[in-house]
Amino acid sequence: MAVEMRLPALHKHVSITPSQFHRDDKHLVVPGDVITSDTGFMRGHGTYMDEERLTASVAGQVERVNKLICVKPLKTRYNGEVGDVVVGRITEVQQKRWKVETNSRLDSVLLLSSVNLPGGELRRRSTQDELAMRDYLQEGDLISAEVQSIFSDGALSLHTRSLKYGKLGQGVLVQVSPSLVKRQKTHFHNLPCAASVILGNNGYVWLYPTPQQQDEEAGGYYTSMEPVSMSDREVISRLRNCLLALAAHKVLLYDTSVLYCYEASLPQQIKDILKPEVMEEIILETRQRLVEHEG
């Protein structure tokens, strides 16, 4: 019977100067903390007035926009904004629409009129299209989409009209907190390690082998079912463990941080990355490289 033993290991010393460490300090509050006593500010989400003082009602980071003050919770369900890239799972096929689970308070909606038809045809949706909805997407399918609008009750309306969105094929889904995904111009990244990542604003991250060529005539419904090579599977497994390590240490997820963490983990075996002492060493090296990159 194999027994795994862990012995004390010497940690590599990573020096971060105080100016670098405190440069990105955030104003963090917990419920009951007084944010300001100035009556000139407007009350936003996550705050309330208590005896003429603006007080936090949730634990999070204070954000100021002109005279509006709100508190962005550190741990919360996904609150969608128009233009966000999301990864979701089809939960129900309804009349002219699909229900999609996107880690928000309510199921999101993908209308039949908001998807590309196979082959990229541009025409009105007919009864035949409605009867064939399960041929396009069925329960359990994973999709990437964009938030088109927000209904009055807070539910999200999605669309997949661009060819970069659509049904997802072979890959790995990683779930993290939505507050850890950094907002960027693009959330689709082809990494140099022969893998690609979709960083959904809703905290769902999709890892998959970088496709050799994109079939544009499929209209976002073609998914390759060819066997994935062992090397690609190892790269995706390593990236998956790196994402979990970054999320455990509350490091913002974007293409640079994921790539630096992947490179820092290369000396380690894939199964060892999530061991606490190995994880801490990898994250320290990643943070140091990020500080040097931003400085």
C-alpha atoms as a PDB file:
ATOM      1  CA  MET A   1       0.000   0.000   0.000  1.00  0.00           C
ATOM      2  CA  ALA A   2       1.440   3.344  -1.086  1.00  0.00           C
ATOM      3  CA  VAL A   3       1.667   5.999   1.611  1.00  0.00           C
ATOM      4  CA  GLU A   4       2.247   9.652   0.753  1.00  0.00           C
ATOM      5  CA  MET A   5       4.381  11.600   3.223  1.00  0.00           C
ATOM      6  CA  ARG A   6       4.928  15.350   3.244  1.00  0.00           C
ATOM      7  CA  LEU A   7       8.014  16.819   4.852  1.00  0.00           C
ATOM      8  CA  PRO A   8       8.793  20.481   5.587  1.00  0.00           C
ATOM      9  CA  ALA A   9      10.124  22.229   2.500  1.00  0.00           C
ATOM     10  CA  LEU A  10      12.127  25.412   2.133  1.00  0.00           C
ATOM     11  CA  HIS A  11       9.996  28.107   0.497  1.00  0.00           C
ATOM     12  CA  LYS A  12      11.501  30.379  -2.104  1.00  0.00           C
ATOM     13  CA  HIS A  13      11.633  33.932  -0.763  1.00  0.00           C
ATOM     14  CA  VAL A  14       9.699  36.323  -2.987  1.00  0.00           C
ATOM     15  CA  SER A  15      10.269  39.979  -2.230  1.00  0.00           C
ATOM     16  CA  ILE A  16       7.533  42.477  -2.984  1.00  0.00           C
ATOM     17  CA  THR A  17       8.303  46.043  -2.032  1.00  0.00           C
ATOM     18  CA  PRO A  18       5.757  47.836   0.176  1.00  0.00           C
ATOM     19  CA  SER A  19       5.004  50.385  -2.544  1.00  0.00           C
ATOM     20  CA  GLN A  20       4.123  47.586  -4.987  1.00  0.00           C
ATOM     21  CA  PHE A  21       2.148  45.692  -2.367  1.00  0.00           C
ATOM     22  CA  HIS A  22       0.003  48.651  -1.310  1.00  0.00           C
ATOM     23  CA  ARG A  23      -0.346  50.239  -4.721  1.00  0.00           C
ATOM     24  CA  ASP A  24      -3.601  48.423  -5.509  1.00  0.00           C
ATOM     25  CA  ASP A  25      -5.097  48.580  -2.013  1.00  0.00           C
ATOM     26  CA  LYS A  26      -8.885  48.480  -2.123  1.00  0.00           C
ATOM     27  CA  HIS A  27     -11.311  50.075   0.309  1.00  0.00           C
ATOM     28  CA  LEU A  28     -12.847  46.931   1.816  1.00  0.00           C
ATOM     29  CA  VAL A  29     -15.780  47.065   4.211  1.00  0.00           C
ATOM     30  CA  VAL A  30     -17.939  44.642   6.204  1.00  0.00           C
ATOM     31  CA  PRO A  31     -21.646  45.052   7.114  1.00  0.00           C
ATOM     32  CA  GLY A  32     -22.089  47.930   9.557  1.00  0.00           C
ATOM     33  CA  ASP A  33     -18.918  49.829   8.551  1.00  0.00           C
ATOM     34  CA  VAL A  34     -19.463  53.555   8.059  1.00  0.00           C
ATOM     35  CA  ILE A  35     -18.326  54.507   4.552  1.00  0.00           C
ATOM     36  CA  THR A  36     -18.776  58.262   4.852  1.00  0.00           C
ATOM     37  CA  SER A  37     -20.612  60.855   6.924  1.00  0.00           C
ATOM     38  CA  ASP A  38     -20.745  63.334   4.022  1.00  0.00           C
ATOM     39  CA  THR A  39     -24.394  63.890   3.035  1.00  0.00           C
ATOM     40  CA  GLY A  40     -23.398  64.938  -0.492  1.00  0.00           C
ATOM     41  CA  PHE A  41     -23.060  61.338  -1.711  1.00  0.00           C
ATOM     42  CA  MET A  42     -25.861  59.238  -3.218  1.00  0.00           C
ATOM     43  CA  ARG A  43     -26.664  55.783  -1.848  1.00  0.00           C
ATOM     44  CA  GLY A  44     -26.019  52.867  -4.232  1.00  0.00           C
ATOM     45  CA  HIS A  45     -26.295  49.071  -4.070  1.00  0.00           C
ATOM     46  CA  GLY A  46     -24.968  47.461  -0.903  1.00  0.00           C
ATOM     47  CA  THR A  47     -25.406  50.560   1.298  1.00  0.00           C
ATOM     48  CA  TYR A  48     -28.014  52.133   3.570  1.00  0.00           C
ATOM     49  CA  MET A  49     -28.395  55.339   5.570  1.00  0.00           C
ATOM     50  CA  ASP A  50     -27.989  55.091   9.343  1.00  0.00           C
ATOM     51  CA  GLU A  51     -28.324  58.375  11.276  1.00  0.00           C
ATOM     52  CA  GLU A  52     -27.145  60.500   8.335  1.00  0.00           C
ATOM     53  CA  ARG A  53     -24.181  58.175   7.746  1.00  0.00           C
ATOM     54  CA  LEU A  54     -23.723  55.988   4.683  1.00  0.00           C
ATOM     55  CA  THR A  55     -23.196  52.425   5.947  1.00  0.00           C
ATOM     56  CA  ALA A  56     -22.269  49.170   4.183  1.00  0.00           C
ATOM     57  CA  SER A  57     -24.875  46.399   4.177  1.00  0.00           C
ATOM     58  CA  VAL A  58     -22.632  43.744   2.538  1.00  0.00           C
ATOM     59  CA  ALA A  59     -18.968  42.752   2.750  1.00  0.00           C
ATOM     60  CA  GLY A  60     -17.087  43.961  -0.300  1.00  0.00           C
ATOM     61  CA  GLN A  61     -15.194  46.691  -2.099  1.00  0.00           C
ATOM     62  CA  VAL A  62     -16.334  50.309  -2.129  1.00  0.00           C
ATOM     63  CA  GLU A  63     -16.780  51.776  -5.615  1.00  0.00           C
ATOM     64  CA  ARG A  64     -17.315  55.466  -6.326  1.00  0.00           C
ATOM     65  CA  VAL A  65     -18.748  56.881  -9.547  1.00  0.00           C
ATOM     66  CA  ASN A  66     -18.891  60.668  -9.216  1.00  0.00           C
ATOM     67  CA  LYS A  67     -21.291  61.162  -6.259  1.00  0.00           C
ATOM     68  CA  LEU A  68     -22.675  57.601  -6.275  1.00  0.00           C
ATOM     69  CA  ILE A  69     -21.231  55.133  -3.750  1.00  0.00           C
ATOM     70  CA  CYS A  70     -21.926  51.404  -3.895  1.00  0.00           C
ATOM     71  CA  VAL A  71     -20.360  48.281  -2.413  1.00  0.00           C
ATOM     72  CA  LYS A  72     -19.481  45.441  -4.780  1.00  0.00           C
ATOM     73  CA  PRO A  73     -19.807  42.136  -2.861  1.00  0.00           C
ATOM     74  CA  LEU A  74     -16.751  39.875  -2.836  1.00  0.00           C
ATOM     75  CA  LYS A  75     -18.884  36.730  -3.061  1.00  0.00           C
ATOM     76  CA  THR A  76     -22.207  36.877  -4.842  1.00  0.00           C
ATOM     77  CA  ARG A  77     -24.318  35.467  -7.620  1.00  0.00           C
ATOM     78  CA  TYR A  78     -23.565  36.790 -11.096  1.00  0.00           C
ATOM     79  CA  ASN A  79     -25.182  40.139 -11.863  1.00  0.00           C
ATOM     80  CA  GLY A  80     -25.133  40.440 -15.643  1.00  0.00           C
ATOM     81  CA  GLU A  81     -24.395  43.526 -17.717  1.00  0.00           C
ATOM     82  CA  VAL A  82     -25.119  44.061 -21.403  1.00  0.00           C
ATOM     83  CA  GLY A  83     -22.156  42.922 -23.492  1.00  0.00           C
ATOM     84  CA  ASP A  84     -20.848  40.358 -20.973  1.00  0.00           C
ATOM     85  CA  VAL A  85     -19.489  37.069 -22.312  1.00  0.00           C
ATOM     86  CA  VAL A  86     -21.004  34.110 -20.447  1.00  0.00           C
ATOM     87  CA  VAL A  87     -20.703  30.326 -20.503  1.00  0.00           C
ATOM     88  CA  GLY A  88     -23.907  28.499 -19.619  1.00  0.00           C
ATOM     89  CA  ARG A  89     -25.701  25.153 -19.717  1.00  0.00           C
ATOM     90  CA  ILE A  90     -29.065  24.527 -21.400  1.00  0.00           C
ATOM     91  CA  THR A  91     -31.552  23.409 -18.729  1.00  0.00           C
ATOM     92  CA  GLU A  92     -34.866  23.457 -20.626  1.00  0.00           C
ATOM     93  CA  VAL A  93     -36.221  23.731 -24.170  1.00  0.00           C
ATOM     94  CA  GLN A  94     -39.379  25.861 -24.287  1.00  0.00           C
ATOM     95  CA  GLN A  95     -41.524  27.472 -26.972  1.00  0.00           C
ATOM     96  CA  LYS A  96     -39.180  29.529 -29.203  1.00  0.00           C
ATOM     97  CA  ARG A  97     -36.592  29.767 -26.422  1.00  0.00           C
ATOM     98  CA  TRP A  98     -34.029  27.886 -24.353  1.00  0.00           C
ATOM     99  CA  LYS A  99     -33.529  28.312 -20.598  1.00  0.00           C
ATOM    100  CA  VAL A 100     -29.822  28.628 -19.706  1.00  0.00           C
ATOM    101  CA  GLU A 101     -28.168  28.267 -16.284  1.00  0.00           C
ATOM    102  CA  THR A 102     -25.567  31.054 -16.023  1.00  0.00           C
ATOM    103  CA  ASN A 103     -24.854  31.221 -12.254  1.00  0.00           C
ATOM    104  CA  SER A 104     -27.224  34.179 -11.826  1.00  0.00           C
ATOM    105  CA  ARG A 105     -30.279  34.490  -9.576  1.00  0.00           C
ATOM    106  CA  LEU A 106     -32.669  33.545 -12.395  1.00  0.00           C
ATOM    107  CA  ASP A 107     -32.281  31.300 -15.429  1.00  0.00           C
ATOM    108  CA  SER A 108     -31.218  33.216 -18.522  1.00  0.00           C
ATOM    109  CA  VAL A 109     -33.172  33.089 -21.792  1.00  0.00           C
ATOM    110  CA  LEU A 110     -31.836  32.361 -25.283  1.00  0.00           C
ATOM    111  CA  LEU A 111     -34.521  33.143 -27.880  1.00  0.00           C
ATOM    112  CA  LEU A 112     -34.740  31.168 -31.113  1.00  0.00           C
ATOM    113  CA  SER A 113     -34.536  34.486 -32.979  1.00  0.00           C
ATOM    114  CA  SER A 114     -31.226  35.268 -31.197  1.00  0.00           C
ATOM    115  CA  VAL A 115     -29.221  32.343 -32.593  1.00  0.00           C
ATOM    116  CA  ASN A 116     -27.543  31.696 -35.933  1.00  0.00           C
ATOM    117  CA  LEU A 117     -29.253  29.094 -38.067  1.00  0.00           C
ATOM    118  CA  PRO A 118     -26.958  26.259 -39.240  1.00  0.00           C
ATOM    119  CA  GLY A 119     -25.226  27.412 -42.398  1.00  0.00           C
ATOM    120  CA  GLY A 120     -25.568  31.066 -41.375  1.00  0.00           C
ATOM    121  CA  GLU A 121     -28.906  31.568 -43.146  1.00  0.00           C
ATOM    122  CA  LEU A 122     -30.564  34.945 -42.610  1.00  0.00           C
ATOM    123  CA  ARG A 123     -34.348  34.498 -42.627  1.00  0.00           C
ATOM    124  CA  ARG A 124     -37.359  34.522 -40.366  1.00  0.00           C
ATOM    125  CA  ARG A 125     -37.678  31.552 -38.018  1.00  0.00           C
ATOM    126  CA  SER A 126     -40.380  29.160 -39.175  1.00  0.00           C
ATOM    127  CA  THR A 127     -42.434  26.456 -37.471  1.00  0.00           C
ATOM    128  CA  GLN A 128     -39.940  23.885 -38.806  1.00  0.00           C
ATOM    129  CA  ASP A 129     -37.140  25.709 -36.993  1.00  0.00           C
ATOM    130  CA  GLU A 130     -39.166  25.617 -33.786  1.00  0.00           C
ATOM    131  CA  LEU A 131     -39.755  21.867 -34.139  1.00  0.00           C
ATOM    132  CA  ALA A 132     -36.026  21.320 -34.777  1.00  0.00           C
ATOM    133  CA  MET A 133     -34.824  23.299 -31.723  1.00  0.00           C
ATOM    134  CA  ARG A 134     -33.450  20.153 -30.058  1.00  0.00           C
ATOM    135  CA  ASP A 135     -31.346  19.496 -33.178  1.00  0.00           C
ATOM    136  CA  TYR A 136     -29.591  22.818 -32.517  1.00  0.00           C
ATOM    137  CA  LEU A 137     -29.325  22.754 -28.708  1.00  0.00           C
ATOM    138  CA  GLN A 138     -30.698  20.305 -26.157  1.00  0.00           C
ATOM    139  CA  GLU A 139     -30.696  19.916 -22.398  1.00  0.00           C
ATOM    140  CA  GLY A 140     -27.200  19.598 -20.955  1.00  0.00           C
ATOM    141  CA  ASP A 141     -25.394  21.334 -23.845  1.00  0.00           C
ATOM    142  CA  LEU A 142     -22.840  23.970 -22.923  1.00  0.00           C
ATOM    143  CA  ILE A 143     -22.830  27.240 -24.870  1.00  0.00           C
ATOM    144  CA  SER A 144     -20.920  30.497 -24.978  1.00  0.00           C
ATOM    145  CA  ALA A 145     -23.060  33.587 -25.490  1.00  0.00           C
ATOM    146  CA  GLU A 146     -23.268  37.340 -24.963  1.00  0.00           C
ATOM    147  CA  VAL A 147     -25.746  39.228 -22.796  1.00  0.00           C
ATOM    148  CA  GLN A 148     -28.037  41.118 -25.184  1.00  0.00           C
ATOM    149  CA  SER A 149     -30.410  42.725 -22.690  1.00  0.00           C
ATOM    150  CA  ILE A 150     -31.751  42.412 -19.153  1.00  0.00           C
ATOM    151  CA  PHE A 151     -35.446  41.833 -18.422  1.00  0.00           C
ATOM    152  CA  SER A 152     -37.296  43.862 -15.797  1.00  0.00           C
ATOM    153  CA  ASP A 153     -37.139  40.970 -13.295  1.00  0.00           C
ATOM    154  CA  GLY A 154     -33.336  40.729 -13.650  1.00  0.00           C
ATOM    155  CA  ALA A 155     -33.223  37.692 -15.967  1.00  0.00           C
ATOM    156  CA  LEU A 156     -30.697  37.900 -18.803  1.00  0.00           C
ATOM    157  CA  SER A 157     -31.492  37.682 -22.502  1.00  0.00           C
ATOM    158  CA  LEU A 158     -28.611  36.077 -24.429  1.00  0.00           C
ATOM    159  CA  HIS A 159     -27.630  35.895 -28.094  1.00  0.00           C
ATOM    160  CA  THR A 160     -25.167  33.779 -30.106  1.00  0.00           C
ATOM    161  CA  ARG A 161     -25.338  35.628 -33.420  1.00  0.00           C
ATOM    162  CA  SER A 162     -21.557  35.971 -33.754  1.00  0.00           C
ATOM    163  CA  LEU A 163     -19.647  32.948 -35.086  1.00  0.00           C
ATOM    164  CA  LYS A 164     -17.353  33.000 -32.041  1.00  0.00           C
ATOM    165  CA  TYR A 165     -20.333  32.057 -29.849  1.00  0.00           C
ATOM    166  CA  GLY A 166     -22.359  28.862 -29.967  1.00  0.00           C
ATOM    167  CA  LYS A 167     -22.280  25.278 -28.769  1.00  0.00           C
ATOM    168  CA  LEU A 168     -19.134  24.122 -26.959  1.00  0.00           C
ATOM    169  CA  GLY A 169     -17.514  20.793 -27.783  1.00  0.00           C
ATOM    170  CA  GLN A 170     -14.843  18.861 -25.907  1.00  0.00           C
ATOM    171  CA  GLY A 171     -13.233  20.577 -22.945  1.00  0.00           C
ATOM    172  CA  VAL A 172     -13.336  21.164 -19.205  1.00  0.00           C
ATOM    173  CA  LEU A 173     -15.640  23.531 -17.277  1.00  0.00           C
ATOM    174  CA  VAL A 174     -14.177  25.253 -14.202  1.00  0.00           C
ATOM    175  CA  GLN A 175     -16.450  27.198 -11.830  1.00  0.00           C
ATOM    176  CA  VAL A 176     -15.017  30.157  -9.889  1.00  0.00           C
ATOM    177  CA  SER A 177     -16.456  33.251  -8.231  1.00  0.00           C
ATOM    178  CA  PRO A 178     -17.677  35.831 -10.825  1.00  0.00           C
ATOM    179  CA  SER A 179     -15.830  38.585  -8.920  1.00  0.00           C
ATOM    180  CA  LEU A 180     -12.486  36.933  -9.789  1.00  0.00           C
ATOM    181  CA  VAL A 181     -12.890  37.234 -13.572  1.00  0.00           C
ATOM    182  CA  LYS A 182     -11.297  40.450 -14.801  1.00  0.00           C
ATOM    183  CA  ARG A 183     -13.345  42.427 -17.326  1.00  0.00           C
ATOM    184  CA  GLN A 184     -11.448  42.814 -20.616  1.00  0.00           C
ATOM    185  CA  LYS A 185     -12.101  43.686 -24.262  1.00  0.00           C
ATOM    186  CA  THR A 186     -11.969  40.000 -25.200  1.00  0.00           C
ATOM    187  CA  HIS A 187     -12.594  36.918 -23.092  1.00  0.00           C
ATOM    188  CA  PHE A 188     -11.563  34.391 -25.763  1.00  0.00           C
ATOM    189  CA  HIS A 189      -7.850  33.607 -25.505  1.00  0.00           C
ATOM    190  CA  ASN A 190      -5.641  31.205 -27.461  1.00  0.00           C
ATOM    191  CA  LEU A 191      -2.752  30.433 -25.108  1.00  0.00           C
ATOM    192  CA  PRO A 192       0.754  29.547 -26.397  1.00  0.00           C
ATOM    193  CA  CYS A 193       0.481  26.108 -24.737  1.00  0.00           C
ATOM    194  CA  ALA A 194      -1.871  24.753 -27.481  1.00  0.00           C
ATOM    195  CA  ALA A 195      -5.004  25.318 -25.383  1.00  0.00           C
ATOM    196  CA  SER A 196      -7.698  27.979 -25.445  1.00  0.00           C
ATOM    197  CA  VAL A 197      -9.786  29.478 -22.662  1.00  0.00           C
ATOM    198  CA  ILE A 198     -13.131  31.289 -22.501  1.00  0.00           C
ATOM    199  CA  LEU A 199     -13.274  33.391 -19.327  1.00  0.00           C
ATOM    200  CA  GLY A 200     -17.001  33.861 -18.761  1.00  0.00           C
ATOM    201  CA  ASN A 201     -17.971  36.950 -16.777  1.00  0.00           C
ATOM    202  CA  ASN A 202     -20.385  34.702 -14.842  1.00  0.00           C
ATOM    203  CA  GLY A 203     -17.518  32.696 -13.286  1.00  0.00           C
ATOM    204  CA  TYR A 204     -17.740  29.735 -15.676  1.00  0.00           C
ATOM    205  CA  VAL A 205     -14.397  29.152 -17.426  1.00  0.00           C
ATOM    206  CA  TRP A 206     -14.156  26.805 -20.408  1.00  0.00           C
ATOM    207  CA  LEU A 207     -10.844  25.125 -21.311  1.00  0.00           C
ATOM    208  CA  TYR A 208     -10.486  23.318 -24.634  1.00  0.00           C
ATOM    209  CA  PRO A 209      -7.796  22.317 -27.174  1.00  0.00           C
ATOM    210  CA  THR A 210      -7.075  25.096 -29.680  1.00  0.00           C
ATOM    211  CA  PRO A 211      -8.859  24.078 -32.936  1.00  0.00           C
ATOM    212  CA  GLN A 212      -6.698  23.781 -36.037  1.00  0.00           C
ATOM    213  CA  GLN A 213      -9.335  25.461 -38.205  1.00  0.00           C
ATOM    214  CA  GLN A 214     -12.683  27.099 -37.604  1.00  0.00           C
ATOM    215  CA  ASP A 215     -15.632  25.751 -39.582  1.00  0.00           C
ATOM    216  CA  GLU A 216     -17.577  28.954 -40.284  1.00  0.00           C
ATOM    217  CA  GLU A 217     -20.339  27.258 -42.286  1.00  0.00           C
ATOM    218  CA  ALA A 218     -21.590  25.392 -39.224  1.00  0.00           C
ATOM    219  CA  GLY A 219     -22.982  28.594 -37.703  1.00  0.00           C
ATOM    220  CA  GLY A 220     -21.648  27.777 -34.221  1.00  0.00           C
ATOM    221  CA  TYR A 221     -23.196  24.278 -33.981  1.00  0.00           C
ATOM    222  CA  TYR A 222     -20.342  22.077 -35.223  1.00  0.00           C
ATOM    223  CA  THR A 223     -18.415  20.395 -32.419  1.00  0.00           C
ATOM    224  CA  SER A 224     -15.423  18.196 -33.163  1.00  0.00           C
ATOM    225  CA  MET A 225     -15.658  14.745 -31.582  1.00  0.00           C
ATOM    226  CA  GLU A 226     -12.199  13.565 -32.637  1.00  0.00           C
ATOM    227  CA  PRO A 227     -10.132  12.000 -29.816  1.00  0.00           C
ATOM    228  CA  VAL A 228      -8.081  14.562 -27.891  1.00  0.00           C
ATOM    229  CA  SER A 229      -4.384  13.691 -27.711  1.00  0.00           C
ATOM    230  CA  MET A 230      -2.759  12.838 -24.378  1.00  0.00           C
ATOM    231  CA  SER A 231      -0.515  15.936 -24.520  1.00  0.00           C
ATOM    232  CA  ASP A 232      -3.533  18.233 -25.000  1.00  0.00           C
ATOM    233  CA  ARG A 233      -5.356  16.555 -22.110  1.00  0.00           C
ATOM    234  CA  GLU A 234      -2.350  17.042 -19.836  1.00  0.00           C
ATOM    235  CA  VAL A 235      -2.131  20.748 -20.763  1.00  0.00           C
ATOM    236  CA  ILE A 236      -5.866  21.237 -20.067  1.00  0.00           C
ATOM    237  CA  SER A 237      -5.607  19.349 -16.752  1.00  0.00           C
ATOM    238  CA  ARG A 238      -2.666  21.540 -15.704  1.00  0.00           C
ATOM    239  CA  LEU A 239      -4.561  24.716 -16.668  1.00  0.00           C
ATOM    240  CA  ARG A 240      -7.604  23.512 -14.727  1.00  0.00           C
ATOM    241  CA  ASN A 241      -5.544  23.022 -11.554  1.00  0.00           C
ATOM    242  CA  CYS A 242      -3.855  26.407 -12.100  1.00  0.00           C
ATOM    243  CA  LEU A 243      -7.283  28.105 -12.314  1.00  0.00           C
ATOM    244  CA  LEU A 244      -8.395  26.455  -9.070  1.00  0.00           C
ATOM    245  CA  ALA A 245      -5.133  27.524  -7.376  1.00  0.00           C
ATOM    246  CA  LEU A 246      -5.540  31.141  -8.544  1.00  0.00           C
ATOM    247  CA  ALA A 247      -9.180  31.169  -7.389  1.00  0.00           C
ATOM    248  CA  ALA A 248      -8.249  29.705  -3.983  1.00  0.00           C
ATOM    249  CA  HIS A 249      -5.767  32.563  -3.447  1.00  0.00           C
ATOM    250  CA  LYS A 250      -8.193  35.216  -4.797  1.00  0.00           C
ATOM    251  CA  VAL A 251      -6.009  36.228  -7.778  1.00  0.00           C
ATOM    252  CA  LEU A 252      -7.844  37.940 -10.656  1.00  0.00           C
ATOM    253  CA  LEU A 253      -8.257  35.646 -13.662  1.00  0.00           C
ATOM    254  CA  TYR A 254      -7.199  36.953 -17.077  1.00  0.00           C
ATOM    255  CA  ASP A 255      -4.977  35.655 -19.864  1.00  0.00           C
ATOM    256  CA  THR A 256      -1.674  36.910 -18.365  1.00  0.00           C
ATOM    257  CA  SER A 257      -2.274  35.585 -14.838  1.00  0.00           C
ATOM    258  CA  VAL A 258      -3.382  32.178 -16.170  1.00  0.00           C
ATOM    259  CA  LEU A 259      -0.334  31.916 -18.449  1.00  0.00           C
ATOM    260  CA  TYR A 260       2.134  32.968 -15.714  1.00  0.00           C
ATOM    261  CA  CYS A 261       0.601  30.451 -13.306  1.00  0.00           C
ATOM    262  CA  TYR A 262       0.828  27.718 -15.955  1.00  0.00           C
ATOM    263  CA  GLU A 263       4.522  28.470 -16.572  1.00  0.00           C
ATOM    264  CA  ALA A 264       5.252  28.562 -12.822  1.00  0.00           C
ATOM    265  CA  SER A 265       3.639  25.125 -12.405  1.00  0.00           C
ATOM    266  CA  LEU A 266       5.661  23.377 -15.138  1.00  0.00           C
ATOM    267  CA  PRO A 267       8.356  22.002 -12.736  1.00  0.00           C
ATOM    268  CA  GLN A 268       5.581  20.304 -10.706  1.00  0.00           C
ATOM    269  CA  GLN A 269       3.487  17.285 -11.549  1.00  0.00           C
ATOM    270  CA  ILE A 270      -0.127  18.026 -12.434  1.00  0.00           C
ATOM    271  CA  LYS A 271      -1.506  16.142  -9.429  1.00  0.00           C
ATOM    272  CA  ASP A 272       0.779  18.076  -7.020  1.00  0.00           C
ATOM    273  CA  ILE A 273      -0.352  21.584  -8.038  1.00  0.00           C
ATOM    274  CA  LEU A 274      -3.293  21.600  -5.602  1.00  0.00           C
ATOM    275  CA  LYS A 275      -1.197  20.560  -2.582  1.00  0.00           C
ATOM    276  CA  PRO A 276      -1.232  23.573  -0.205  1.00  0.00           C
ATOM    277  CA  GLU A 277       2.547  24.129  -0.020  1.00  0.00           C
ATOM    278  CA  VAL A 278       3.059  23.675  -3.793  1.00  0.00           C
ATOM    279  CA  MET A 279       0.070  25.895  -4.549  1.00  0.00           C
ATOM    280  CA  GLU A 280       1.410  28.662  -2.330  1.00  0.00           C
ATOM    281  CA  GLU A 281       4.820  28.548  -4.004  1.00  0.00           C
ATOM    282  CA  ILE A 282       3.304  28.698  -7.503  1.00  0.00           C
ATOM    283  CA  ILE A 283       0.970  31.590  -6.594  1.00  0.00           C
ATOM    284  CA  LEU A 284       3.819  33.583  -4.975  1.00  0.00           C
ATOM    285  CA  GLU A 285       5.893  33.269  -8.146  1.00  0.00           C
ATOM    286  CA  THR A 286       2.875  34.208 -10.281  1.00  0.00           C
ATOM    287  CA  ARG A 287       2.142  37.300  -8.159  1.00  0.00           C
ATOM    288  CA  GLN A 288       5.780  38.385  -8.375  1.00  0.00           C
ATOM    289  CA  ARG A 289       5.744  38.124 -12.182  1.00  0.00           C
ATOM    290  CA  LEU A 290       2.438  40.021 -12.368  1.00  0.00           C
ATOM    291  CA  VAL A 291       3.856  42.839 -10.224  1.00  0.00           C
ATOM    292  CA  GLU A 292       6.948  43.043 -12.452  1.00  0.00           C
ATOM    293  CA  HIS A 293       4.742  42.948 -15.579  1.00  0.00           C
ATOM    294  CA  GLU A 294       2.450  45.744 -14.345  1.00  0.00           C
ATOM    295  CA  GLY A 295       5.363  47.811 -12.978  1.00  0.00           C
END
